[in-house]
Each structure stands twice: as C-alpha cells, then as structure tokens.
N, C-alpha and C. Protein backbone atom coordinates (compact mmCIF):
# COMPACT_ATOMS: atom_id res chain seq x y z
N MET A 1 29.26 137.19 -11.46
CA MET A 1 28.98 136.29 -10.35
C MET A 1 28.82 137.13 -9.08
N ALA A 2 27.78 136.91 -8.35
CA ALA A 2 27.52 137.64 -7.11
C ALA A 2 28.29 137.01 -5.97
N SER A 3 28.58 137.87 -5.02
CA SER A 3 29.25 137.36 -3.82
C SER A 3 28.55 137.95 -2.60
N GLY A 4 28.58 137.23 -1.51
CA GLY A 4 27.92 137.72 -0.30
C GLY A 4 26.42 137.85 -0.53
N TRP A 5 25.89 139.04 -0.17
CA TRP A 5 24.45 139.27 -0.28
C TRP A 5 24.06 139.91 -1.60
N ALA A 6 25.03 140.25 -2.43
CA ALA A 6 24.73 140.93 -3.69
C ALA A 6 24.12 139.98 -4.71
N GLN A 7 23.19 140.49 -5.48
CA GLN A 7 22.56 139.69 -6.53
C GLN A 7 23.43 139.73 -7.78
N ASP A 8 23.21 138.79 -8.68
CA ASP A 8 23.88 138.83 -9.96
C ASP A 8 23.48 140.12 -10.68
N GLY A 9 24.45 140.80 -11.25
CA GLY A 9 24.16 142.04 -11.97
C GLY A 9 24.00 143.25 -11.09
N ALA A 10 24.32 143.17 -9.81
CA ALA A 10 24.11 144.29 -8.90
C ALA A 10 24.94 145.51 -9.30
N VAL A 11 26.16 145.29 -9.75
CA VAL A 11 27.01 146.42 -10.15
C VAL A 11 26.40 147.12 -11.36
N GLN A 12 25.95 146.34 -12.34
CA GLN A 12 25.33 146.94 -13.52
C GLN A 12 24.06 147.68 -13.15
N ASP A 13 23.29 147.15 -12.21
CA ASP A 13 22.09 147.83 -11.74
C ASP A 13 22.44 149.19 -11.14
N GLN A 14 23.53 149.26 -10.39
CA GLN A 14 23.97 150.53 -9.80
C GLN A 14 24.39 151.51 -10.88
N ILE A 15 25.11 151.03 -11.87
CA ILE A 15 25.54 151.89 -12.97
C ILE A 15 24.32 152.42 -13.71
N ASP A 16 23.39 151.54 -14.04
CA ASP A 16 22.17 151.94 -14.75
C ASP A 16 21.39 152.98 -13.94
N SER A 17 21.31 152.79 -12.65
CA SER A 17 20.58 153.71 -11.79
C SER A 17 21.25 155.08 -11.77
N THR A 18 22.57 155.10 -11.72
CA THR A 18 23.30 156.36 -11.73
C THR A 18 23.06 157.11 -13.03
N VAL A 19 23.08 156.41 -14.15
CA VAL A 19 22.84 157.03 -15.45
C VAL A 19 21.41 157.55 -15.52
N GLU A 20 20.45 156.77 -15.06
CA GLU A 20 19.06 157.21 -15.08
C GLU A 20 18.86 158.46 -14.23
N ASP A 21 19.51 158.52 -13.08
CA ASP A 21 19.41 159.72 -12.23
C ASP A 21 19.98 160.94 -12.94
N ALA A 22 21.12 160.78 -13.60
CA ALA A 22 21.75 161.89 -14.31
C ALA A 22 20.87 162.38 -15.46
N VAL A 23 20.27 161.46 -16.18
CA VAL A 23 19.38 161.84 -17.28
C VAL A 23 18.17 162.58 -16.73
N GLN A 24 17.61 162.11 -15.65
CA GLN A 24 16.44 162.77 -15.04
C GLN A 24 16.79 164.19 -14.59
N ARG A 25 17.95 164.36 -13.95
CA ARG A 25 18.37 165.70 -13.52
C ARG A 25 18.55 166.62 -14.73
N ALA A 26 19.13 166.11 -15.80
CA ALA A 26 19.33 166.91 -17.01
C ALA A 26 17.99 167.32 -17.62
N ARG A 27 17.05 166.40 -17.65
CA ARG A 27 15.73 166.73 -18.21
C ARG A 27 15.02 167.79 -17.38
N GLN A 28 15.17 167.74 -16.07
CA GLN A 28 14.53 168.72 -15.20
C GLN A 28 15.18 170.10 -15.36
N ALA A 29 16.45 170.12 -15.73
CA ALA A 29 17.16 171.38 -15.87
C ALA A 29 16.81 172.12 -17.15
N ILE A 30 16.23 171.41 -18.12
CA ILE A 30 15.88 172.03 -19.39
C ILE A 30 14.68 172.95 -19.17
N SER A 31 14.85 174.20 -19.54
CA SER A 31 13.78 175.18 -19.39
C SER A 31 12.71 174.94 -20.45
N GLN A 32 11.51 175.31 -20.10
CA GLN A 32 10.39 175.20 -21.03
C GLN A 32 9.52 176.42 -20.87
N GLY A 33 8.71 176.67 -21.85
CA GLY A 33 7.78 177.78 -21.76
C GLY A 33 8.35 179.06 -22.33
N GLU A 34 7.77 180.16 -21.93
CA GLU A 34 8.15 181.47 -22.45
C GLU A 34 9.35 182.02 -21.70
N SER A 35 10.29 182.58 -22.43
CA SER A 35 11.48 183.17 -21.82
C SER A 35 11.15 184.52 -21.21
N ALA A 36 11.83 184.84 -20.14
CA ALA A 36 11.66 186.15 -19.51
C ALA A 36 12.45 187.20 -20.28
N GLU A 37 11.96 188.42 -20.30
CA GLU A 37 12.68 189.50 -20.96
C GLU A 37 13.76 190.06 -20.05
N PHE A 38 13.53 189.95 -18.73
CA PHE A 38 14.48 190.48 -17.77
C PHE A 38 14.83 189.38 -16.76
N CYS A 39 16.07 189.38 -16.33
CA CYS A 39 16.58 188.37 -15.39
C CYS A 39 15.80 188.42 -14.08
N HIS A 40 15.43 187.27 -13.56
CA HIS A 40 14.70 187.21 -12.30
C HIS A 40 15.58 187.53 -11.10
N GLU A 41 16.89 187.45 -11.25
CA GLU A 41 17.82 187.72 -10.14
C GLU A 41 18.22 189.19 -10.09
N CYS A 42 18.76 189.72 -11.21
CA CYS A 42 19.34 191.06 -11.19
C CYS A 42 18.51 192.10 -11.94
N GLY A 43 17.55 191.67 -12.75
CA GLY A 43 16.71 192.61 -13.47
C GLY A 43 17.27 193.09 -14.80
N GLU A 44 18.46 192.64 -15.17
CA GLU A 44 19.05 193.04 -16.45
C GLU A 44 18.26 192.41 -17.60
N ALA A 45 18.30 193.08 -18.75
CA ALA A 45 17.62 192.55 -19.93
C ALA A 45 18.34 191.30 -20.42
N ILE A 46 17.56 190.29 -20.80
CA ILE A 46 18.12 189.06 -21.37
C ILE A 46 18.14 189.24 -22.88
N PRO A 47 19.31 189.10 -23.53
CA PRO A 47 19.40 189.31 -24.98
C PRO A 47 18.44 188.40 -25.75
N GLU A 48 17.91 188.94 -26.85
CA GLU A 48 16.96 188.20 -27.68
C GLU A 48 17.55 186.89 -28.17
N ALA A 49 18.82 186.88 -28.55
CA ALA A 49 19.46 185.65 -29.04
C ALA A 49 19.44 184.56 -27.97
N ARG A 50 19.68 184.93 -26.71
CA ARG A 50 19.64 183.95 -25.61
C ARG A 50 18.22 183.44 -25.39
N ARG A 51 17.26 184.33 -25.47
CA ARG A 51 15.87 183.91 -25.27
C ARG A 51 15.39 182.97 -26.37
N GLN A 52 15.87 183.17 -27.59
CA GLN A 52 15.49 182.28 -28.68
C GLN A 52 16.23 180.95 -28.61
N ALA A 53 17.49 180.99 -28.18
CA ALA A 53 18.29 179.77 -28.12
C ALA A 53 17.87 178.86 -26.98
N LEU A 54 17.39 179.44 -25.89
CA LEU A 54 17.01 178.67 -24.70
C LEU A 54 15.57 178.99 -24.31
N PRO A 55 14.60 178.30 -24.88
CA PRO A 55 13.21 178.57 -24.51
C PRO A 55 12.99 178.41 -23.00
N GLY A 56 12.35 179.39 -22.42
CA GLY A 56 12.06 179.33 -20.99
C GLY A 56 13.15 179.90 -20.11
N VAL A 57 14.17 180.51 -20.70
CA VAL A 57 15.27 181.05 -19.90
C VAL A 57 14.74 182.15 -18.97
N GLN A 58 15.24 182.16 -17.74
CA GLN A 58 14.75 183.11 -16.74
C GLN A 58 15.85 183.99 -16.16
N HIS A 59 17.12 183.70 -16.51
CA HIS A 59 18.25 184.43 -15.92
C HIS A 59 19.24 184.86 -16.99
N CYS A 60 19.93 185.95 -16.73
CA CYS A 60 21.01 186.38 -17.62
C CYS A 60 22.18 185.41 -17.47
N ILE A 61 23.16 185.53 -18.33
CA ILE A 61 24.29 184.60 -18.32
C ILE A 61 25.04 184.67 -16.99
N ALA A 62 25.29 185.86 -16.49
CA ALA A 62 26.05 186.01 -15.24
C ALA A 62 25.33 185.35 -14.06
N CYS A 63 24.05 185.61 -13.93
CA CYS A 63 23.28 185.02 -12.82
C CYS A 63 23.13 183.51 -12.99
N GLN A 64 22.94 183.03 -14.23
CA GLN A 64 22.81 181.60 -14.46
C GLN A 64 24.11 180.89 -14.11
N THR A 65 25.25 181.51 -14.43
CA THR A 65 26.55 180.94 -14.08
C THR A 65 26.69 180.81 -12.58
N THR A 66 26.29 181.82 -11.84
CA THR A 66 26.35 181.78 -10.38
C THR A 66 25.44 180.68 -9.83
N LEU A 67 24.22 180.57 -10.35
CA LEU A 67 23.29 179.54 -9.90
C LEU A 67 23.83 178.14 -10.21
N ASP A 68 24.43 177.97 -11.38
CA ASP A 68 24.99 176.67 -11.75
C ASP A 68 26.13 176.27 -10.82
N LYS A 69 26.96 177.23 -10.44
CA LYS A 69 28.06 176.94 -9.51
C LYS A 69 27.53 176.52 -8.15
N LYS A 70 26.46 177.16 -7.69
CA LYS A 70 25.86 176.78 -6.41
C LYS A 70 25.29 175.36 -6.47
N GLN A 71 24.65 175.02 -7.60
CA GLN A 71 24.08 173.68 -7.74
C GLN A 71 25.18 172.63 -7.80
N GLN A 72 26.28 172.93 -8.46
CA GLN A 72 27.39 171.99 -8.54
C GLN A 72 28.00 171.76 -7.16
N ALA A 73 28.05 172.80 -6.35
CA ALA A 73 28.62 172.67 -5.01
C ALA A 73 27.75 171.75 -4.14
N ASN A 74 26.45 171.73 -4.39
CA ASN A 74 25.53 170.90 -3.61
C ASN A 74 25.32 169.52 -4.22
N ALA A 75 25.93 169.25 -5.36
CA ALA A 75 25.68 167.99 -6.07
C ALA A 75 26.54 166.84 -5.56
N GLY A 76 27.35 167.05 -4.54
CA GLY A 76 28.26 166.01 -4.07
C GLY A 76 27.59 164.90 -3.28
N TYR A 77 26.35 165.08 -2.89
CA TYR A 77 25.66 164.08 -2.08
C TYR A 77 25.24 162.90 -2.94
N ASN A 78 25.59 161.71 -2.51
CA ASN A 78 25.22 160.50 -3.24
C ASN A 78 24.30 159.68 -2.34
N ARG A 79 23.03 159.64 -2.67
CA ARG A 79 22.05 159.00 -1.79
C ARG A 79 22.22 157.49 -1.72
N ARG A 80 23.03 156.90 -2.57
CA ARG A 80 23.22 155.45 -2.54
C ARG A 80 24.48 155.04 -1.78
N GLY A 81 25.05 155.93 -1.02
CA GLY A 81 26.17 155.56 -0.16
C GLY A 81 27.48 155.36 -0.89
N SER A 82 27.90 156.32 -1.67
CA SER A 82 29.19 156.36 -2.35
C SER A 82 29.44 155.15 -3.21
N LYS A 83 28.43 154.66 -3.90
CA LYS A 83 28.64 153.52 -4.78
C LYS A 83 29.56 153.88 -5.94
N ASP A 84 29.55 155.16 -6.34
CA ASP A 84 30.41 155.56 -7.45
C ASP A 84 31.88 155.31 -7.12
N SER A 85 32.26 155.58 -5.89
CA SER A 85 33.66 155.36 -5.53
C SER A 85 33.99 153.86 -5.48
N GLN A 86 32.99 153.03 -5.25
CA GLN A 86 33.22 151.58 -5.23
C GLN A 86 33.41 151.02 -6.62
N LEU A 87 32.88 151.71 -7.62
CA LEU A 87 32.96 151.20 -8.98
C LEU A 87 34.23 151.61 -9.70
N ARG A 88 35.01 152.51 -9.13
CA ARG A 88 36.23 152.99 -9.78
C ARG A 88 37.38 152.05 -9.57
C-alpha cells in the first residue's frame, strides 16, 4: 500500500533498479577482446594462465588489485539519494 506521494510498488521498483544497476556495472567490468602480454600500469609480464582465464585482461594482479580498491572507494555515491539506507 502506498502512502503520501509514493506509488504502489515504489519500494520494489527501487530494489529492482538497484539490482539492475549492479548487474550493469558488473557487465561493464568484464573484460573482452585480446589480453595484453604486459601490464598497462607497471609493464610487468602478465602470466599466460591469467591471460587465458580472463580474456581481455590488461593489468597484472597487483595493479588490478590497486585499481579495484580505488573503484570501491569511489563507489559510495548513490545517485538515488540514499534509498538503500531507507530500505534497511
């Protein structure tokens, strides 16, 4: 049941939107294409096993870990105005 200005199902719509956004971000993070032989950040050789396991890989494990940490630090922004905290 909706209250105030909210439509029926508004909470579920927010949940669905959050899930769709997460799926879209995950799909964009998947590498595609030919893997690099050398890391684009540090120039170290990327092991053959890593290049076969992750098509399109461009960074060594150490550099990819650093990049992932930077992305996680910037991921705190919620463009829908902290709806996640309202649903808890």
